Amino acid sequence: MDGLALTLTFGGIAALGNVVGGALIVAKRSWDRRVLTYCVAFGGGFLLAASLLKMVPTSLSHAPTVAPFLLLAGYFLIHFFAHVLGEHVHLGGEPHHQGEEVHHAVGVSTIIGLVIHTFFDGLAIGSGFALNNVGLGVLVFCAIMLHKIPEGFTIASITLASGGGRKWALAAAVGLAGATLMGALSVFAVDVGLAKYALPLATGVTIHVAASDLIPEVNEVKGIGVPSLVLAGAVAFYVTERWIEQLVN
């Protein structure tokens, strides 16, 4: 198989992981609001760790001069978008539950951030095969697959938590799948060098989604469960990254 065929195959499987993650959420007819809150908490910790431990250092290493400005631009872009279009809704669409309301803009901004993030997931897979390095492509695919089901699970949870229905939750997961596949195939159509500028912009978006949207919202729920799951999400990303390093080395 040539590079394009391998990219289409492995990129498609990775994209399917997003759909599977979303389907796990929507398959259950109703979810307790606290369960959704805990899912959002785990996703917030996971995204924050991905941003600070991986995306920021990578951005600075590839574009040290402009990356800080693009990081800020991405952050303020989503900050402006969220405050202009945002409104309060409650988990499950039910009003008047103190401590369980989530901005509608949280779901929208999270979709934007994760779509950009998953696009680069796909781009990473495609890059290995585009360089005719099948081993590298397969290793990157295996590493990214560890994130794909949690990503779909997270985006579907957030969509439900911000008042969206089951169909919208699954559609959000399918959107992530499409972005993953587009990213994988785009490496054969555009200059991969542009990624060093797009990555810090995406990183700024992701930092806002995690630190300024998701985590503050779920912190309205009192108790040790939410902070524990935010930490668990961060630890899960760290452990995954260390495992990937062991595979590569």
Protein backbone atom coordinates (compact mmCIF):
# COMPACT_ATOMS: atom_id res chain seq x y z
CA MET A 1 0.00 0.00 0.00
CA ASP A 2 1.25 3.52 -0.79
CA GLY A 3 1.35 6.40 1.68
CA LEU A 4 -2.04 7.80 0.71
CA ALA A 5 -3.78 4.42 1.06
CA LEU A 6 -2.15 3.80 4.43
CA THR A 7 -3.15 7.26 5.61
CA LEU A 8 -6.73 6.74 4.49
CA THR A 9 -6.86 3.37 6.27
CA PHE A 10 -5.29 4.33 9.57
CA GLY A 11 -6.76 7.83 9.58
CA GLY A 12 -10.20 6.31 9.03
CA ILE A 13 -9.75 3.90 11.94
CA ALA A 14 -8.64 6.77 14.19
CA ALA A 15 -11.67 8.80 13.11
CA LEU A 16 -13.91 5.86 13.94
CA GLY A 17 -12.57 6.01 17.50
CA ASN A 18 -14.19 9.44 17.91
CA VAL A 19 -17.54 8.06 16.76
CA VAL A 20 -17.28 5.06 19.11
CA GLY A 21 -16.56 7.38 22.05
CA GLY A 22 -19.60 9.51 21.26
CA ALA A 23 -21.79 6.44 20.76
CA LEU A 24 -20.89 5.20 24.24
CA ILE A 25 -22.47 8.34 25.66
CA VAL A 26 -25.61 8.51 23.50
CA ALA A 27 -26.33 4.76 23.74
CA LYS A 28 -27.59 5.28 27.28
CA ARG A 29 -31.04 6.90 27.12
CA SER A 30 -30.53 9.20 30.10
CA TRP A 31 -27.52 10.22 32.17
CA ASP A 32 -27.46 11.58 35.68
CA ARG A 33 -26.39 15.24 35.63
CA ARG A 34 -23.58 14.54 38.08
CA VAL A 35 -22.20 11.79 35.82
CA LEU A 36 -22.07 14.26 32.92
CA THR A 37 -20.37 16.79 35.17
CA TYR A 38 -17.72 14.22 36.10
CA CYS A 39 -17.15 13.39 32.43
CA VAL A 40 -16.67 17.08 31.66
CA ALA A 41 -14.26 17.39 34.62
CA PHE A 42 -12.11 14.50 33.33
CA GLY A 43 -12.12 16.00 29.82
CA GLY A 44 -11.11 19.41 31.17
CA GLY A 45 -8.10 17.96 32.97
CA PHE A 46 -7.14 15.92 29.92
CA LEU A 47 -7.30 18.97 27.61
CA LEU A 48 -5.43 21.23 30.02
CA ALA A 49 -2.60 18.71 30.34
CA ALA A 50 -2.48 18.22 26.57
CA SER A 51 -2.19 21.98 26.10
CA LEU A 52 0.46 22.73 28.71
CA LEU A 53 2.55 19.55 28.58
CA LYS A 54 2.55 18.90 24.84
CA MET A 55 1.08 21.61 22.63
CA VAL A 56 2.76 24.66 24.19
CA PRO A 57 6.32 23.20 24.21
CA THR A 58 5.89 21.91 20.65
CA SER A 59 4.58 25.27 19.47
CA LEU A 60 7.51 27.14 21.04
CA SER A 61 10.07 24.75 19.60
CA HIS A 62 8.84 25.14 16.03
CA ALA A 63 8.00 28.87 16.01
CA PRO A 64 9.71 30.48 19.03
CA THR A 65 9.23 34.05 17.83
CA VAL A 66 5.58 34.10 16.80
CA ALA A 67 4.16 31.21 18.85
CA PRO A 68 3.53 33.26 22.04
CA PHE A 69 1.52 35.83 20.07
CA LEU A 70 -0.47 33.13 18.29
CA LEU A 71 -1.16 31.43 21.62
CA LEU A 72 -2.67 34.67 22.91
CA ALA A 73 -4.56 35.20 19.65
CA GLY A 74 -6.15 31.75 19.91
CA TYR A 75 -7.09 32.31 23.55
CA PHE A 76 -8.69 35.72 22.96
CA LEU A 77 -10.42 34.55 19.80
CA ILE A 78 -12.39 31.91 21.65
CA HIS A 79 -12.82 34.21 24.66
CA PHE A 80 -14.52 36.81 22.46
CA PHE A 81 -16.61 34.18 20.67
CA ALA A 82 -17.82 32.63 23.91
CA HIS A 83 -18.83 35.91 25.52
CA VAL A 84 -20.60 37.26 22.45
CA LEU A 85 -22.68 34.13 21.77
CA GLY A 86 -22.83 32.53 25.21
CA GLU A 87 -25.93 31.99 27.34
CA HIS A 88 -26.66 29.89 30.41
CA VAL A 89 -28.41 26.56 30.19
CA HIS A 90 -28.54 23.73 32.70
CA LEU A 91 -27.33 20.17 32.47
CA GLY A 92 -29.94 18.14 30.65
CA GLY A 93 -31.75 21.33 29.72
CA GLU A 94 -33.44 21.58 33.12
CA PRO A 95 -33.35 25.00 34.78
CA HIS A 96 -32.87 26.06 38.37
CA HIS A 97 -30.36 23.49 39.58
CA GLN A 98 -27.79 25.55 41.44
CA GLY A 99 -24.22 24.51 40.66
CA GLU A 100 -25.11 22.38 37.64
CA GLU A 101 -25.48 24.94 34.88
CA VAL A 102 -23.15 25.04 31.90
CA HIS A 103 -22.72 27.78 29.32
CA HIS A 104 -24.07 26.88 25.89
CA ALA A 105 -20.87 28.51 24.59
CA VAL A 106 -18.85 25.91 26.48
CA GLY A 107 -20.18 23.21 24.16
CA VAL A 108 -19.65 25.38 21.07
CA SER A 109 -16.15 26.50 22.00
CA THR A 110 -15.16 22.97 23.02
CA ILE A 111 -16.25 21.66 19.64
CA ILE A 112 -14.13 24.33 17.94
CA GLY A 113 -11.09 23.55 20.10
CA LEU A 114 -11.39 19.79 19.74
CA VAL A 115 -12.01 19.97 15.99
CA ILE A 116 -8.75 21.88 15.58
CA HIS A 117 -6.99 19.49 17.95
CA THR A 118 -8.25 16.38 16.17
CA PHE A 119 -7.30 17.89 12.80
CA PHE A 120 -3.71 17.90 14.03
CA ASP A 121 -4.14 14.35 15.30
CA GLY A 122 -4.88 13.33 11.74
CA LEU A 123 -2.08 15.49 10.38
CA ALA A 124 0.40 13.67 12.63
CA ILE A 125 -0.75 10.29 11.33
CA GLY A 126 -0.58 11.38 7.70
CA SER A 127 2.86 12.95 8.09
CA GLY A 128 4.51 9.64 9.00
CA PHE A 129 3.08 7.84 5.98
CA ALA A 130 3.74 10.83 3.70
CA LEU A 131 7.43 10.50 4.58
CA ASN A 132 7.27 6.82 3.53
CA ASN A 133 8.01 5.83 7.12
CA VAL A 134 5.41 3.15 7.73
CA GLY A 135 6.77 2.29 11.17
CA LEU A 136 6.49 5.90 12.32
CA GLY A 137 3.01 6.23 10.88
CA VAL A 138 1.80 3.11 12.67
CA LEU A 139 3.37 4.18 15.99
CA VAL A 140 1.78 7.63 15.79
CA PHE A 141 -1.54 6.01 14.92
CA CYS A 142 -1.35 3.70 17.95
CA ALA A 143 -0.53 6.62 20.23
CA ILE A 144 -3.31 8.83 18.90
CA MET A 145 -5.86 6.02 19.08
CA LEU A 146 -5.48 6.16 22.87
CA HIS A 147 -7.00 9.65 22.72
CA LYS A 148 -9.71 9.11 20.14
CA ILE A 149 -12.39 7.31 22.17
CA PRO A 150 -11.93 9.67 25.18
CA GLU A 151 -12.22 12.64 22.78
CA GLY A 152 -15.52 11.37 21.39
CA PHE A 153 -16.74 10.53 24.89
CA THR A 154 -15.78 14.00 26.11
CA ILE A 155 -17.36 15.99 23.28
CA ALA A 156 -20.61 14.02 23.48
CA SER A 157 -20.73 14.51 27.27
CA ILE A 158 -20.16 18.24 26.91
CA THR A 159 -22.81 18.54 24.20
CA LEU A 160 -25.37 16.83 26.43
CA ALA A 161 -24.25 18.84 29.45
CA SER A 162 -24.74 22.15 27.60
CA GLY A 163 -28.32 21.26 26.63
CA GLY A 164 -27.84 19.45 23.32
CA GLY A 165 -29.80 16.33 22.50
CA ARG A 166 -28.53 12.83 21.79
CA LYS A 167 -28.45 13.44 18.02
CA TRP A 168 -26.35 16.59 18.48
CA ALA A 169 -24.01 14.73 20.81
CA LEU A 170 -23.40 12.01 18.23
CA ALA A 171 -23.10 14.64 15.47
CA ALA A 172 -20.37 16.39 17.48
CA ALA A 173 -18.43 13.12 17.72
CA VAL A 174 -18.86 12.56 13.98
CA GLY A 175 -17.57 16.11 13.42
CA LEU A 176 -14.40 15.23 15.31
CA ALA A 177 -14.05 12.11 13.17
CA GLY A 178 -14.33 14.20 10.02
CA ALA A 179 -11.69 16.64 11.25
CA THR A 180 -9.33 13.75 12.05
CA LEU A 181 -9.68 12.29 8.57
CA MET A 182 -9.33 15.70 6.91
CA GLY A 183 -6.14 16.34 8.85
CA ALA A 184 -4.70 12.97 7.85
CA LEU A 185 -5.39 13.55 4.16
CA SER A 186 -4.45 17.25 4.08
CA VAL A 187 -0.76 16.44 4.41
CA PHE A 188 -0.86 15.28 0.80
CA ALA A 189 -2.48 18.52 -0.39
CA VAL A 190 -0.84 21.40 1.53
CA ASP A 191 2.53 22.45 2.90
CA VAL A 192 3.01 20.69 6.23
CA GLY A 193 5.27 23.57 7.30
CA LEU A 194 2.21 25.72 7.90
CA ALA A 195 1.38 23.54 10.90
CA LYS A 196 3.99 25.36 13.00
CA TYR A 197 1.79 28.47 12.82
CA ALA A 198 -1.59 26.79 13.13
CA LEU A 199 -0.57 24.68 16.13
CA PRO A 200 0.00 27.57 18.60
CA LEU A 201 -3.28 29.16 17.51
CA ALA A 202 -5.06 25.87 18.22
CA THR A 203 -3.21 25.63 21.54
CA GLY A 204 -4.55 28.98 22.67
CA VAL A 205 -8.06 27.82 21.84
CA THR A 206 -7.59 24.58 23.77
CA ILE A 207 -6.20 26.37 26.85
CA HIS A 208 -9.26 28.61 26.96
CA VAL A 209 -11.64 25.69 26.54
CA ALA A 210 -10.01 23.73 29.37
CA ALA A 211 -8.98 26.40 31.87
CA SER A 212 -11.55 29.15 31.34
CA ASP A 213 -14.64 27.18 30.28
CA LEU A 214 -14.76 23.56 31.38
CA ILE A 215 -12.98 23.52 34.73
CA PRO A 216 -14.63 26.68 36.17
CA GLU A 217 -18.06 25.39 35.15
CA VAL A 218 -17.73 21.99 36.83
CA ASN A 219 -16.16 23.59 39.91
CA GLU A 220 -19.65 24.87 40.75
CA VAL A 221 -20.39 21.33 41.96
CA LYS A 222 -19.07 20.95 45.50
CA GLY A 223 -17.16 17.97 46.82
CA ILE A 224 -13.94 16.10 46.11
CA GLY A 225 -15.24 14.27 43.03
CA VAL A 226 -14.78 17.08 40.50
CA PRO A 227 -11.20 18.13 41.41
CA SER A 228 -10.22 14.47 41.65
CA LEU A 229 -11.44 13.79 38.12
CA VAL A 230 -9.82 16.94 36.73
CA LEU A 231 -6.54 15.66 38.18
CA ALA A 232 -7.27 12.15 36.85
CA GLY A 233 -7.72 13.56 33.35
CA ALA A 234 -4.37 15.33 33.55
CA VAL A 235 -2.65 12.21 34.90
CA ALA A 236 -4.22 10.10 32.15
CA PHE A 237 -2.68 12.34 29.51
CA TYR A 238 0.71 12.31 31.22
CA VAL A 239 0.75 8.52 31.52
CA THR A 240 -0.23 8.19 27.88
CA GLU A 241 2.59 10.48 26.79
CA ARG A 242 5.16 8.56 28.83
CA TRP A 243 3.94 5.30 27.30
CA ILE A 244 4.31 6.80 23.84
CA GLU A 245 7.89 7.85 24.62
CA GLN A 246 8.71 4.29 25.69
CA LEU A 247 7.37 2.97 22.39
CA VAL A 248 9.32 5.47 20.31
CA ASN A 249 12.56 4.93 22.19
